[in-house]
Every structure is written in structure tokens, then in C-alpha cells.
């Protein structure tokens, strides 16, 4: 086979391979993430959180499936509070936390509280912390985003690939291969004819 024809075929195959390997709009990575979306520094499974502070204390809470976990620190020294009681009020729901001194967190597991907090929207929470120094009232809001119907949080209304582009590329490659084959057959015929002379 002619060396130039072989090079042309290799270039066409490489071009097709590069085009197919390119991530089209809506393409997905191994974990289902959209490859054409900008990279976000937020965690993939961002959970609803609350941050609140007073002059004496600050707290950070995270809503999990089975609990509202709250960490409380002294505002000036950032020393964790590992003794005392913590209570929360949400509307007419009042719940007391269990202190995990070894973990340094207060855990709310009251079913009525968790059910109310899972509802989409903004939830005003009033925490009452009682320590050896007295009691402190800490107010904050926990915002829960509306739940997406898809568990993976993506819609399928977009096109995952441009089939028109794939079809046009396949036609172009087929035409290029056909032209290369015709050129090779013509060259072979001329060569055979010149050898007979």
C-alpha cells in the first residue's frame, strides 16, 4: 500500500478517535457529575448547616439523616464546650441534645424535630446552652434546599451527545476512506499497466 495513503488513513482514524473521546455537552464523569459544569469547591453531598454566635459562644450544626449534630465552642478561645446541656426550640417543638463528650458534639435525635428540619425551607432555631457559667441563648437559621426528584440531582432534558455531529463525522470518515481506496485502486491500476508495457 502506498505510504502516503497509509499516513492519510492513520490521520483520519486519529482524528475520529479524538473527536469521539472529546466530552460533549452533558457528558458525565465516572461519578455521574457533568463534565461541562464549572468546578465547585462545595462538597458533592452538601448537607444543611447552621452557624450562629453570641459574644460568648459559637455553634455549628449539621443536619444528617439520623441526627442534628451541633458543635459548640467558646467564642474568645475557640475551646470546645464538652460539659453542659443544649436545648433547641423550633416553633412548638422543643428537644434536648445528648452530649458526646468524647466527640465534642451535641446530638439531637428527636423524631419530630428531625422531620420538621428535613422539610424544605428556612428553619429558625433557638438554642439554649446551660454551662457552669450560666445559660446562653443562641439563635440561627437552618436552610434546607428543595429536594430534587432525581437522587443524583441532574435532569435528563439536555442532550447527552450531538447525534448530528456523530453522523456527519461518520459520513466524512466513510467518504475519506472511499476516496483513499479509489485513489489506491487507481494508482495500482496505473502501476500494473506501466509494468505490462
N, C-alpha and C. Protein backbone atom coordinates (compact mmCIF):
# COMPACT_ATOMS: atom_id res chain seq x y z
N UNK A 1 0.85 -1.17 0.00
CA UNK A 1 0.00 0.00 0.00
C UNK A 1 0.90 1.24 0.00
N UNK A 2 0.45 2.26 -0.68
CA UNK A 2 1.22 3.50 -0.77
C UNK A 2 1.43 4.10 0.61
N UNK A 3 2.61 4.57 0.88
CA UNK A 3 2.95 5.14 2.19
C UNK A 3 2.11 6.39 2.48
N UNK A 4 1.88 7.22 1.49
CA UNK A 4 1.07 8.44 1.69
C UNK A 4 -0.38 8.09 2.02
N UNK A 5 -0.89 7.06 1.39
CA UNK A 5 -2.25 6.62 1.66
C UNK A 5 -2.37 6.09 3.09
N UNK A 6 -1.37 5.34 3.53
CA UNK A 6 -1.37 4.82 4.89
C UNK A 6 -1.33 5.95 5.91
N UNK A 7 -0.53 6.96 5.66
CA UNK A 7 -0.45 8.11 6.56
C UNK A 7 -1.79 8.84 6.60
N UNK A 8 -2.42 9.00 5.44
CA UNK A 8 -3.73 9.66 5.39
C UNK A 8 -4.76 8.88 6.20
N UNK A 9 -4.79 7.57 6.06
CA UNK A 9 -5.73 6.76 6.82
C UNK A 9 -5.47 6.85 8.33
N UNK A 10 -4.22 6.84 8.73
CA UNK A 10 -3.89 6.96 10.15
C UNK A 10 -4.33 8.31 10.71
N UNK A 11 -4.11 9.37 9.94
CA UNK A 11 -4.53 10.70 10.38
C UNK A 11 -6.05 10.75 10.53
N UNK A 12 -6.78 10.18 9.59
CA UNK A 12 -8.24 10.17 9.68
C UNK A 12 -8.72 9.36 10.89
N UNK A 13 -8.11 8.22 11.15
CA UNK A 13 -8.51 7.42 12.30
C UNK A 13 -8.18 8.13 13.61
N UNK A 14 -7.04 8.79 13.69
CA UNK A 14 -6.70 9.55 14.90
C UNK A 14 -7.68 10.71 15.10
N UNK A 15 -8.03 11.38 14.00
CA UNK A 15 -8.98 12.48 14.10
C UNK A 15 -10.32 11.98 14.63
N UNK A 16 -10.79 10.86 14.11
CA UNK A 16 -12.06 10.30 14.56
C UNK A 16 -11.97 9.89 16.03
N UNK A 17 -10.87 9.26 16.41
CA UNK A 17 -10.69 8.86 17.80
C UNK A 17 -10.69 10.04 18.75
N UNK A 18 -10.05 11.12 18.37
CA UNK A 18 -10.02 12.33 19.22
C UNK A 18 -11.41 12.94 19.31
N UNK A 19 -12.13 12.94 18.21
CA UNK A 19 -13.46 13.56 18.22
C UNK A 19 -14.40 12.76 19.11
N UNK A 20 -14.35 11.44 19.02
CA UNK A 20 -15.24 10.60 19.82
C UNK A 20 -14.89 10.70 21.30
N UNK A 21 -13.60 10.81 21.62
CA UNK A 21 -13.17 10.86 23.02
C UNK A 21 -13.47 12.20 23.68
N UNK A 22 -13.72 13.23 22.90
CA UNK A 22 -14.00 14.55 23.46
C UNK A 22 -15.32 14.54 24.21
N UNK A 23 -15.34 15.15 25.38
CA UNK A 23 -16.57 15.19 26.19
C UNK A 23 -17.53 16.21 25.61
N UNK A 24 -18.66 15.74 25.16
CA UNK A 24 -19.69 16.61 24.60
C UNK A 24 -20.47 17.28 25.72
N UNK A 25 -21.19 18.37 25.42
CA UNK A 25 -22.02 18.98 26.46
C UNK A 25 -22.99 17.96 27.04
N UNK A 26 -23.04 17.91 28.36
CA UNK A 26 -23.91 16.96 29.03
C UNK A 26 -23.23 15.63 29.32
N UNK A 27 -21.97 15.49 28.93
CA UNK A 27 -21.26 14.23 29.20
C UNK A 27 -21.04 14.07 30.70
N UNK A 28 -20.95 12.84 31.14
CA UNK A 28 -20.84 12.54 32.56
C UNK A 28 -19.52 11.87 32.89
N UNK A 29 -19.01 12.16 34.06
CA UNK A 29 -17.80 11.53 34.57
C UNK A 29 -18.14 10.23 35.27
N UNK A 30 -17.15 9.58 35.87
CA UNK A 30 -17.38 8.27 36.50
C UNK A 30 -18.34 8.30 37.68
N UNK A 31 -18.50 9.46 38.32
CA UNK A 31 -19.41 9.57 39.46
C UNK A 31 -20.72 10.25 39.10
N UNK A 32 -21.00 10.40 37.81
CA UNK A 32 -22.25 10.99 37.36
C UNK A 32 -22.22 12.51 37.28
N UNK A 33 -21.08 13.14 37.59
CA UNK A 33 -21.01 14.59 37.55
C UNK A 33 -20.94 15.06 36.10
N UNK A 34 -21.48 16.24 35.83
CA UNK A 34 -21.44 16.81 34.50
C UNK A 34 -20.05 17.35 34.24
N UNK A 35 -19.45 16.93 33.13
CA UNK A 35 -18.08 17.34 32.82
C UNK A 35 -18.01 18.76 32.30
N UNK A 36 -19.12 19.31 31.80
CA UNK A 36 -19.09 20.65 31.25
C UNK A 36 -19.48 21.72 32.27
N UNK A 37 -19.71 21.33 33.52
CA UNK A 37 -20.04 22.31 34.56
C UNK A 37 -18.76 22.84 35.19
N UNK A 38 -18.78 24.10 35.64
CA UNK A 38 -17.59 24.62 36.31
C UNK A 38 -17.32 23.85 37.60
N UNK A 39 -16.06 23.74 37.93
CA UNK A 39 -15.66 23.03 39.15
C UNK A 39 -16.11 23.83 40.35
N UNK A 40 -16.68 23.15 41.32
CA UNK A 40 -17.17 23.80 42.53
C UNK A 40 -16.33 23.34 43.71
N UNK A 41 -16.09 24.26 44.64
CA UNK A 41 -15.34 23.88 45.83
C UNK A 41 -16.26 23.32 46.91
N UNK A 42 -17.56 23.36 46.68
CA UNK A 42 -18.51 22.82 47.66
C UNK A 42 -18.49 21.30 47.60
N UNK A 43 -18.67 20.66 48.74
CA UNK A 43 -18.69 19.20 48.72
C UNK A 43 -19.86 18.68 47.91
N UNK A 44 -19.67 17.50 47.32
CA UNK A 44 -20.71 16.93 46.48
C UNK A 44 -22.00 16.68 47.25
N UNK A 45 -21.91 16.23 48.46
CA UNK A 45 -23.11 15.96 49.24
C UNK A 45 -23.23 17.00 50.35
N UNK A 46 -23.40 18.25 49.94
CA UNK A 46 -23.52 19.33 50.93
C UNK A 46 -24.77 19.11 51.76
N UNK A 47 -24.60 19.09 53.04
CA UNK A 47 -25.72 18.90 53.97
C UNK A 47 -26.11 20.26 54.53
N UNK A 48 -27.37 20.40 54.93
CA UNK A 48 -27.80 21.66 55.54
C UNK A 48 -27.01 21.91 56.83
N UNK A 49 -26.53 23.14 56.97
CA UNK A 49 -25.77 23.52 58.16
C UNK A 49 -26.31 24.81 58.74
N UNK A 50 -25.99 25.02 60.00
CA UNK A 50 -26.35 26.25 60.69
C UNK A 50 -25.11 26.75 61.41
N UNK A 51 -24.90 28.06 61.34
CA UNK A 51 -23.82 28.70 62.08
C UNK A 51 -24.44 29.88 62.83
N UNK A 52 -24.11 29.97 64.11
CA UNK A 52 -24.65 31.06 64.93
C UNK A 52 -23.64 31.38 66.02
N UNK A 53 -23.71 32.61 66.53
CA UNK A 53 -22.75 33.02 67.56
C UNK A 53 -23.37 34.08 68.47
N UNK A 54 -22.84 34.12 69.68
CA UNK A 54 -23.11 35.20 70.63
C UNK A 54 -21.75 35.75 71.03
N UNK A 55 -21.73 36.66 71.99
CA UNK A 55 -20.45 37.19 72.46
C UNK A 55 -19.63 36.13 73.18
N UNK A 56 -20.28 35.10 73.71
CA UNK A 56 -19.58 34.08 74.50
C UNK A 56 -19.37 32.75 73.77
N UNK A 57 -20.31 32.39 72.89
CA UNK A 57 -20.26 31.07 72.27
C UNK A 57 -20.56 31.16 70.78
N UNK A 58 -20.07 30.15 70.07
CA UNK A 58 -20.44 29.98 68.66
C UNK A 58 -20.78 28.51 68.45
N UNK A 59 -21.71 28.26 67.54
CA UNK A 59 -22.07 26.87 67.26
C UNK A 59 -22.17 26.64 65.76
N UNK A 60 -21.90 25.41 65.40
CA UNK A 60 -22.05 24.95 64.02
C UNK A 60 -22.79 23.63 64.08
N UNK A 61 -23.89 23.56 63.35
CA UNK A 61 -24.68 22.33 63.34
C UNK A 61 -24.82 21.79 61.93
N UNK A 62 -24.90 20.48 61.82
CA UNK A 62 -25.08 19.82 60.54
C UNK A 62 -26.23 18.84 60.65
N UNK A 63 -27.15 18.91 59.69
CA UNK A 63 -28.30 18.00 59.67
C UNK A 63 -27.93 16.75 58.89
N UNK A 64 -27.94 15.62 59.59
CA UNK A 64 -27.71 14.32 58.97
C UNK A 64 -29.05 13.59 58.87
N UNK A 65 -29.04 12.40 58.29
CA UNK A 65 -30.28 11.64 58.15
C UNK A 65 -30.86 11.25 59.50
N UNK A 66 -29.99 10.94 60.46
CA UNK A 66 -30.47 10.43 61.75
C UNK A 66 -30.24 11.36 62.93
N UNK A 67 -29.67 12.54 62.69
CA UNK A 67 -29.43 13.46 63.81
C UNK A 67 -29.11 14.87 63.32
N UNK A 68 -29.26 15.82 64.23
CA UNK A 68 -28.72 17.17 64.06
C UNK A 68 -27.53 17.22 65.00
N UNK A 69 -26.34 17.28 64.45
CA UNK A 69 -25.11 17.29 65.24
C UNK A 69 -24.63 18.74 65.38
N UNK A 70 -24.39 19.16 66.63
CA UNK A 70 -24.03 20.56 66.90
C UNK A 70 -22.72 20.60 67.69
N UNK A 71 -21.78 21.37 67.20
CA UNK A 71 -20.52 21.63 67.90
C UNK A 71 -20.60 23.03 68.49
N UNK A 72 -20.23 23.18 69.75
CA UNK A 72 -20.27 24.48 70.42
C UNK A 72 -18.88 24.79 70.94
N UNK A 73 -18.40 26.01 70.66
CA UNK A 73 -17.08 26.48 71.13
C UNK A 73 -17.25 27.78 71.89
N UNK A 74 -16.29 28.05 72.75
CA UNK A 74 -16.23 29.37 73.39
C UNK A 74 -15.71 30.35 72.33
N UNK A 75 -16.38 31.48 72.21
CA UNK A 75 -16.09 32.42 71.13
C UNK A 75 -14.68 32.98 71.20
N UNK A 76 -14.23 33.36 72.39
CA UNK A 76 -12.93 34.02 72.51
C UNK A 76 -11.75 33.07 72.38
N UNK A 77 -11.89 31.84 72.90
CA UNK A 77 -10.74 30.92 72.90
C UNK A 77 -10.87 29.77 71.90
N UNK A 78 -12.03 29.61 71.31
CA UNK A 78 -12.31 28.50 70.39
C UNK A 78 -12.21 27.14 71.09
N UNK A 79 -12.28 27.15 72.41
CA UNK A 79 -12.25 25.92 73.20
C UNK A 79 -13.61 25.23 73.10
N UNK A 80 -13.63 23.92 72.77
CA UNK A 80 -14.92 23.24 72.66
C UNK A 80 -15.62 23.11 74.00
N UNK A 81 -16.94 23.21 73.96
CA UNK A 81 -17.76 23.02 75.15
C UNK A 81 -18.06 21.53 75.25
N UNK A 82 -17.54 20.91 76.32
CA UNK A 82 -17.73 19.46 76.49
C UNK A 82 -18.47 19.13 77.78
N UNK A 83 -19.10 20.14 78.36
CA UNK A 83 -19.92 19.92 79.56
C UNK A 83 -21.09 20.89 79.49
N UNK A 84 -22.24 20.45 79.98
CA UNK A 84 -23.42 21.30 79.97
C UNK A 84 -24.56 20.63 79.23
N UNK A 85 -25.61 21.41 79.03
CA UNK A 85 -26.78 20.91 78.30
C UNK A 85 -27.12 21.87 77.18
N UNK A 86 -27.70 21.33 76.14
CA UNK A 86 -28.12 22.14 74.99
C UNK A 86 -29.53 21.72 74.62
N UNK A 87 -30.38 22.72 74.44
CA UNK A 87 -31.77 22.50 74.07
C UNK A 87 -32.04 23.34 72.83
N UNK A 88 -32.96 22.89 71.99
CA UNK A 88 -33.33 23.65 70.80
C UNK A 88 -34.84 23.78 70.74
N UNK A 89 -35.28 24.94 70.26
CA UNK A 89 -36.70 25.20 70.03
C UNK A 89 -36.90 25.53 68.56
N UNK A 90 -37.87 24.84 67.95
CA UNK A 90 -38.28 25.11 66.58
C UNK A 90 -39.79 25.18 66.60
N UNK A 91 -40.32 26.40 66.57
CA UNK A 91 -41.76 26.56 66.69
C UNK A 91 -42.22 26.00 68.02
N UNK A 92 -43.15 25.04 67.98
CA UNK A 92 -43.63 24.44 69.23
C UNK A 92 -42.90 23.14 69.58
N UNK A 93 -41.83 22.84 68.85
CA UNK A 93 -41.04 21.64 69.13
C UNK A 93 -39.85 22.03 70.01
N UNK A 94 -39.69 21.30 71.10
CA UNK A 94 -38.54 21.52 71.98
C UNK A 94 -37.84 20.18 72.15
N UNK A 95 -36.51 20.16 71.97
CA UNK A 95 -35.76 18.91 72.09
C UNK A 95 -34.47 19.16 72.84
N UNK A 96 -34.05 18.16 73.59
CA UNK A 96 -32.78 18.22 74.32
C UNK A 96 -31.76 17.34 73.61
N UNK A 97 -30.51 17.79 73.66
CA UNK A 97 -29.43 17.06 72.99
C UNK A 97 -28.74 16.10 73.95
N UNK A 98 -28.17 15.09 73.38
CA UNK A 98 -27.29 14.19 74.11
C UNK A 98 -25.87 14.65 73.86
N UNK A 99 -25.11 14.86 74.92
CA UNK A 99 -23.72 15.31 74.77
C UNK A 99 -22.81 14.11 74.60
N UNK A 100 -22.05 14.14 73.54
CA UNK A 100 -21.00 13.14 73.33
C UNK A 100 -19.68 13.83 73.66
N UNK A 101 -19.28 13.77 74.92
CA UNK A 101 -18.08 14.49 75.37
C UNK A 101 -16.83 14.02 74.64
N UNK A 102 -16.78 12.72 74.31
CA UNK A 102 -15.60 12.21 73.61
C UNK A 102 -15.50 12.76 72.19
N UNK A 103 -16.63 13.01 71.55
CA UNK A 103 -16.66 13.56 70.20
C UNK A 103 -16.73 15.08 70.22
N UNK A 104 -17.18 15.63 71.32
CA UNK A 104 -17.30 17.08 71.43
C UNK A 104 -18.52 17.64 70.73
N UNK A 105 -19.55 16.83 70.54
CA UNK A 105 -20.75 17.35 69.88
C UNK A 105 -22.00 17.03 70.68
N UNK A 106 -23.03 17.83 70.40
CA UNK A 106 -24.35 17.61 70.97
C UNK A 106 -25.19 16.99 69.85
N UNK A 107 -25.93 15.93 70.16
CA UNK A 107 -26.69 15.22 69.15
C UNK A 107 -28.19 15.30 69.46
N UNK A 108 -28.94 15.85 68.50
CA UNK A 108 -30.40 15.90 68.60
C UNK A 108 -30.96 14.78 67.73
N UNK A 109 -31.72 13.87 68.34
CA UNK A 109 -32.29 12.75 67.59
C UNK A 109 -33.82 12.68 67.71
N UNK A 110 -34.44 13.72 68.24
CA UNK A 110 -35.89 13.74 68.40
C UNK A 110 -36.56 13.59 67.03
N UNK A 111 -37.41 12.58 66.83
CA UNK A 111 -38.03 12.34 65.52
C UNK A 111 -38.85 13.52 65.01
N UNK A 112 -39.61 14.19 65.88
CA UNK A 112 -40.43 15.33 65.44
C UNK A 112 -39.54 16.47 64.96
N UNK A 113 -38.45 16.73 65.66
CA UNK A 113 -37.52 17.79 65.27
C UNK A 113 -36.89 17.46 63.92
N UNK A 114 -36.39 16.24 63.77
CA UNK A 114 -35.73 15.86 62.52
C UNK A 114 -36.69 15.90 61.34
N UNK A 115 -37.92 15.46 61.55
CA UNK A 115 -38.91 15.50 60.47
C UNK A 115 -39.19 16.95 60.06
N UNK A 116 -39.32 17.84 61.02
CA UNK A 116 -39.58 19.25 60.71
C UNK A 116 -38.38 19.87 60.00
N UNK A 117 -37.18 19.52 60.41
CA UNK A 117 -35.98 20.10 59.80
C UNK A 117 -35.72 19.59 58.39
N UNK A 118 -36.21 18.41 58.05
CA UNK A 118 -36.00 17.87 56.71
C UNK A 118 -36.86 18.56 55.66
N UNK A 119 -37.90 19.25 56.09
CA UNK A 119 -38.78 19.94 55.15
C UNK A 119 -38.01 21.09 54.49
N UNK A 120 -38.19 21.29 53.18
CA UNK A 120 -37.50 22.39 52.52
C UNK A 120 -37.92 23.74 53.10
N UNK A 121 -36.97 24.65 53.15
CA UNK A 121 -37.24 26.00 53.64
C UNK A 121 -36.25 26.44 54.69
N UNK A 122 -36.55 27.60 55.28
CA UNK A 122 -35.70 28.18 56.31
C UNK A 122 -36.31 27.89 57.67
N UNK A 123 -35.49 27.33 58.56
CA UNK A 123 -35.98 26.94 59.88
C UNK A 123 -35.27 27.78 60.95
N UNK A 124 -36.00 28.69 61.62
CA UNK A 124 -35.39 29.47 62.70
C UNK A 124 -35.25 28.60 63.96
N UNK A 125 -34.03 28.47 64.44
CA UNK A 125 -33.75 27.65 65.61
C UNK A 125 -33.25 28.52 66.75
N UNK A 126 -33.73 28.23 67.95
CA UNK A 126 -33.27 28.92 69.15
C UNK A 126 -32.66 27.87 70.07
N UNK A 127 -31.35 27.98 70.27
CA UNK A 127 -30.63 27.05 71.15
C UNK A 127 -30.47 27.70 72.52
N UNK A 128 -30.59 26.90 73.56
CA UNK A 128 -30.31 27.35 74.92
C UNK A 128 -29.20 26.47 75.48
N UNK A 129 -28.05 27.08 75.73
CA UNK A 129 -26.89 26.37 76.26
C UNK A 129 -26.76 26.69 77.74
N UNK A 130 -26.72 25.66 78.56
CA UNK A 130 -26.54 25.83 80.00
C UNK A 130 -25.21 25.20 80.38
N UNK A 131 -24.30 26.03 80.89
CA UNK A 131 -22.99 25.56 81.36
C UNK A 131 -22.82 26.03 82.80
N UNK A 132 -21.65 25.77 83.37
CA UNK A 132 -21.37 26.23 84.72
C UNK A 132 -21.36 27.74 84.83
N UNK A 133 -21.19 28.43 83.70
CA UNK A 133 -21.16 29.90 83.67
C UNK A 133 -22.55 30.51 83.59
N UNK A 134 -23.58 29.71 83.40
CA UNK A 134 -24.94 30.24 83.25
C UNK A 134 -25.54 29.73 81.96
N UNK A 135 -26.58 30.42 81.50
CA UNK A 135 -27.23 29.99 80.26
C UNK A 135 -27.08 31.06 79.19
N UNK A 136 -27.04 30.61 77.95
CA UNK A 136 -26.92 31.50 76.79
C UNK A 136 -27.94 31.07 75.75
N UNK A 137 -28.53 32.07 75.13
CA UNK A 137 -29.48 31.84 74.06
C UNK A 137 -28.76 32.14 72.74
N UNK A 138 -28.76 31.16 71.82
CA UNK A 138 -28.07 31.30 70.53
C UNK A 138 -29.11 31.06 69.43
N UNK A 139 -29.30 32.04 68.57
CA UNK A 139 -30.30 31.94 67.51
C UNK A 139 -29.64 31.83 66.15
N UNK A 140 -30.25 31.04 65.28
CA UNK A 140 -29.75 30.90 63.92
C UNK A 140 -30.80 30.29 63.01
N UNK A 141 -30.45 30.16 61.74
CA UNK A 141 -31.39 29.60 60.76
C UNK A 141 -30.71 28.46 60.01
N UNK A 142 -31.47 27.40 59.85
CA UNK A 142 -31.03 26.24 59.06
C UNK A 142 -31.83 26.25 57.77
N UNK A 143 -31.16 26.32 56.64
CA UNK A 143 -31.84 26.35 55.35
C UNK A 143 -31.70 25.00 54.68
N UNK A 144 -32.85 24.43 54.30
CA UNK A 144 -32.87 23.14 53.62
C UNK A 144 -33.40 23.39 52.21
N UNK A 145 -32.60 23.01 51.22
CA UNK A 145 -32.99 23.20 49.82
C UNK A 145 -34.09 22.22 49.45
N UNK A 146 -34.88 22.60 48.45
CA UNK A 146 -35.94 21.71 47.95
C UNK A 146 -35.30 20.46 47.41
N UNK A 147 -35.91 19.32 47.68
CA UNK A 147 -35.37 18.03 47.26
C UNK A 147 -35.63 17.84 45.78
N UNK A 148 -34.60 17.42 45.05
CA UNK A 148 -34.71 17.12 43.63
C UNK A 148 -35.34 15.75 43.46
N UNK A 149 -36.18 15.58 42.43
CA UNK A 149 -36.82 14.29 42.19
C UNK A 149 -35.80 13.21 41.84
N UNK A 150 -34.71 13.62 41.17
CA UNK A 150 -33.64 12.67 40.85
C UNK A 150 -32.71 12.60 42.04
N UNK A 151 -32.34 11.40 42.43
CA UNK A 151 -31.42 11.25 43.55
C UNK A 151 -30.05 11.83 43.21
N UNK A 152 -29.66 11.74 41.93
CA UNK A 152 -28.34 12.23 41.57
C UNK A 152 -28.35 13.72 41.25
N UNK A 153 -29.50 14.37 41.31
CA UNK A 153 -29.58 15.81 41.17
C UNK A 153 -29.31 16.32 39.77
N UNK A 154 -29.62 15.54 38.74
CA UNK A 154 -29.45 16.09 37.40
C UNK A 154 -30.66 15.74 36.56
N UNK A 155 -30.97 16.61 35.64
CA UNK A 155 -32.13 16.37 34.79
C UNK A 155 -31.68 15.75 33.48
N UNK A 156 -32.60 15.05 32.83
CA UNK A 156 -32.26 14.38 31.58
C UNK A 156 -32.86 15.09 30.38
N UNK A 157 -33.22 16.37 30.53
CA UNK A 157 -33.80 17.11 29.42
C UNK A 157 -32.75 17.55 28.42
N UNK A 158 -31.49 17.57 28.81
CA UNK A 158 -30.44 18.01 27.90
C UNK A 158 -30.00 16.84 27.02
N UNK A 159 -29.36 17.18 25.91
CA UNK A 159 -28.86 16.14 25.03
C UNK A 159 -27.51 15.67 25.54
N UNK A 160 -27.31 14.38 25.57
CA UNK A 160 -26.05 13.82 26.04
C UNK A 160 -25.01 13.79 24.94
N UNK A 161 -25.40 13.84 23.71
CA UNK A 161 -24.45 13.86 22.61
C UNK A 161 -25.14 14.46 21.40
N UNK A 162 -24.36 15.04 20.53
CA UNK A 162 -24.91 15.59 19.31
C UNK A 162 -24.87 14.50 18.25
N UNK A 163 -26.00 13.83 18.05
CA UNK A 163 -26.03 12.73 17.09
C UNK A 163 -25.85 13.23 15.67
N UNK A 164 -26.22 14.45 15.40
CA UNK A 164 -25.98 15.02 14.08
C UNK A 164 -24.48 15.10 13.82
N UNK A 165 -23.74 15.54 14.82
CA UNK A 165 -22.28 15.62 14.68
C UNK A 165 -21.65 14.25 14.48
N UNK A 166 -22.15 13.26 15.20
CA UNK A 166 -21.63 11.90 15.07
C UNK A 166 -21.91 11.37 13.66
N UNK A 167 -23.13 11.59 13.18
CA UNK A 167 -23.49 11.11 11.84
C UNK A 167 -22.66 11.80 10.77
N UNK A 168 -22.50 13.12 10.88
CA UNK A 168 -21.69 13.84 9.89
C UNK A 168 -20.24 13.39 9.92
N UNK A 169 -19.72 13.14 11.10
CA UNK A 169 -18.34 12.67 11.20
C UNK A 169 -18.19 11.28 10.59
N UNK A 170 -19.15 10.41 10.85
CA UNK A 170 -19.09 9.06 10.28
C UNK A 170 -19.15 9.12 8.75
N UNK A 171 -20.01 9.99 8.22
CA UNK A 171 -20.10 10.15 6.76
C UNK A 171 -18.79 10.69 6.21
N UNK A 172 -18.21 11.67 6.89
CA UNK A 172 -16.94 12.25 6.42
C UNK A 172 -15.83 11.21 6.43
N UNK A 173 -15.76 10.40 7.47
CA UNK A 173 -14.73 9.37 7.53
C UNK A 173 -14.96 8.32 6.45
N UNK A 174 -16.21 7.90 6.26
CA UNK A 174 -16.52 6.92 5.22
C UNK A 174 -16.16 7.46 3.84
N UNK A 175 -16.46 8.73 3.59
CA UNK A 175 -16.12 9.34 2.30
C UNK A 175 -14.62 9.42 2.12
N UNK A 176 -13.89 9.77 3.17
CA UNK A 176 -12.43 9.86 3.08
C UNK A 176 -11.82 8.48 2.82
N UNK A 177 -12.34 7.46 3.49
CA UNK A 177 -11.84 6.10 3.26
C UNK A 177 -12.15 5.65 1.84
N UNK A 178 -13.36 5.95 1.35
CA UNK A 178 -13.73 5.59 -0.02
C UNK A 178 -12.84 6.29 -1.03
N UNK A 179 -12.58 7.58 -0.83
CA UNK A 179 -11.69 8.31 -1.74
C UNK A 179 -10.28 7.75 -1.69
N UNK A 180 -9.80 7.43 -0.50
CA UNK A 180 -8.46 6.85 -0.38
C UNK A 180 -8.39 5.49 -1.07
N UNK A 181 -9.45 4.68 -0.93
CA UNK A 181 -9.48 3.38 -1.59
C UNK A 181 -9.50 3.54 -3.11
N UNK A 182 -10.31 4.49 -3.61
CA UNK A 182 -10.34 4.74 -5.06
C UNK A 182 -8.99 5.21 -5.56
N UNK A 183 -8.33 6.10 -4.80
CA UNK A 183 -7.01 6.57 -5.21
C UNK A 183 -6.01 5.42 -5.23
N UNK A 184 -6.09 4.54 -4.26
CA UNK A 184 -5.16 3.40 -4.22
C UNK A 184 -5.41 2.45 -5.39
N UNK A 185 -6.71 2.18 -5.68
CA UNK A 185 -7.03 1.31 -6.81
C UNK A 185 -6.57 1.92 -8.12
N UNK A 186 -6.74 3.21 -8.27
CA UNK A 186 -6.30 3.89 -9.50
C UNK A 186 -4.78 3.82 -9.62
N UNK A 187 -4.10 4.06 -8.50
CA UNK A 187 -2.64 4.01 -8.52
C UNK A 187 -2.17 2.59 -8.85
N UNK A 188 -2.83 1.60 -8.28
CA UNK A 188 -2.47 0.20 -8.51
C UNK A 188 -2.70 -0.17 -9.98
N UNK A 189 -3.81 0.33 -10.53
CA UNK A 189 -4.10 0.06 -11.95
C UNK A 189 -3.06 0.70 -12.86
N UNK A 190 -2.66 1.93 -12.57
CA UNK A 190 -1.64 2.59 -13.38
C UNK A 190 -0.30 1.86 -13.28
N UNK A 191 0.00 1.40 -12.08
CA UNK A 191 1.28 0.72 -11.87
C UNK A 191 1.29 -0.61 -12.64
N UNK A 192 0.16 -1.33 -12.58
CA UNK A 192 0.07 -2.61 -13.29
C UNK A 192 0.15 -2.38 -14.80
N UNK A 193 -0.49 -1.31 -15.28
CA UNK A 193 -0.46 -1.00 -16.71
C UNK A 193 0.94 -0.62 -17.16
N UNK A 194 1.67 0.11 -16.31
CA UNK A 194 3.02 0.52 -16.70
C UNK A 194 3.98 -0.67 -16.67
N UNK A 195 3.71 -1.68 -15.87
CA UNK A 195 4.59 -2.85 -15.81
C UNK A 195 4.36 -3.76 -17.02
N UNK A 196 3.16 -3.72 -17.61
CA UNK A 196 2.87 -4.55 -18.77
C UNK A 196 3.54 -4.02 -20.02
N UNK A 197 3.85 -2.75 -20.05
CA UNK A 197 4.45 -2.15 -21.25
C UNK A 197 5.83 -2.57 -21.45
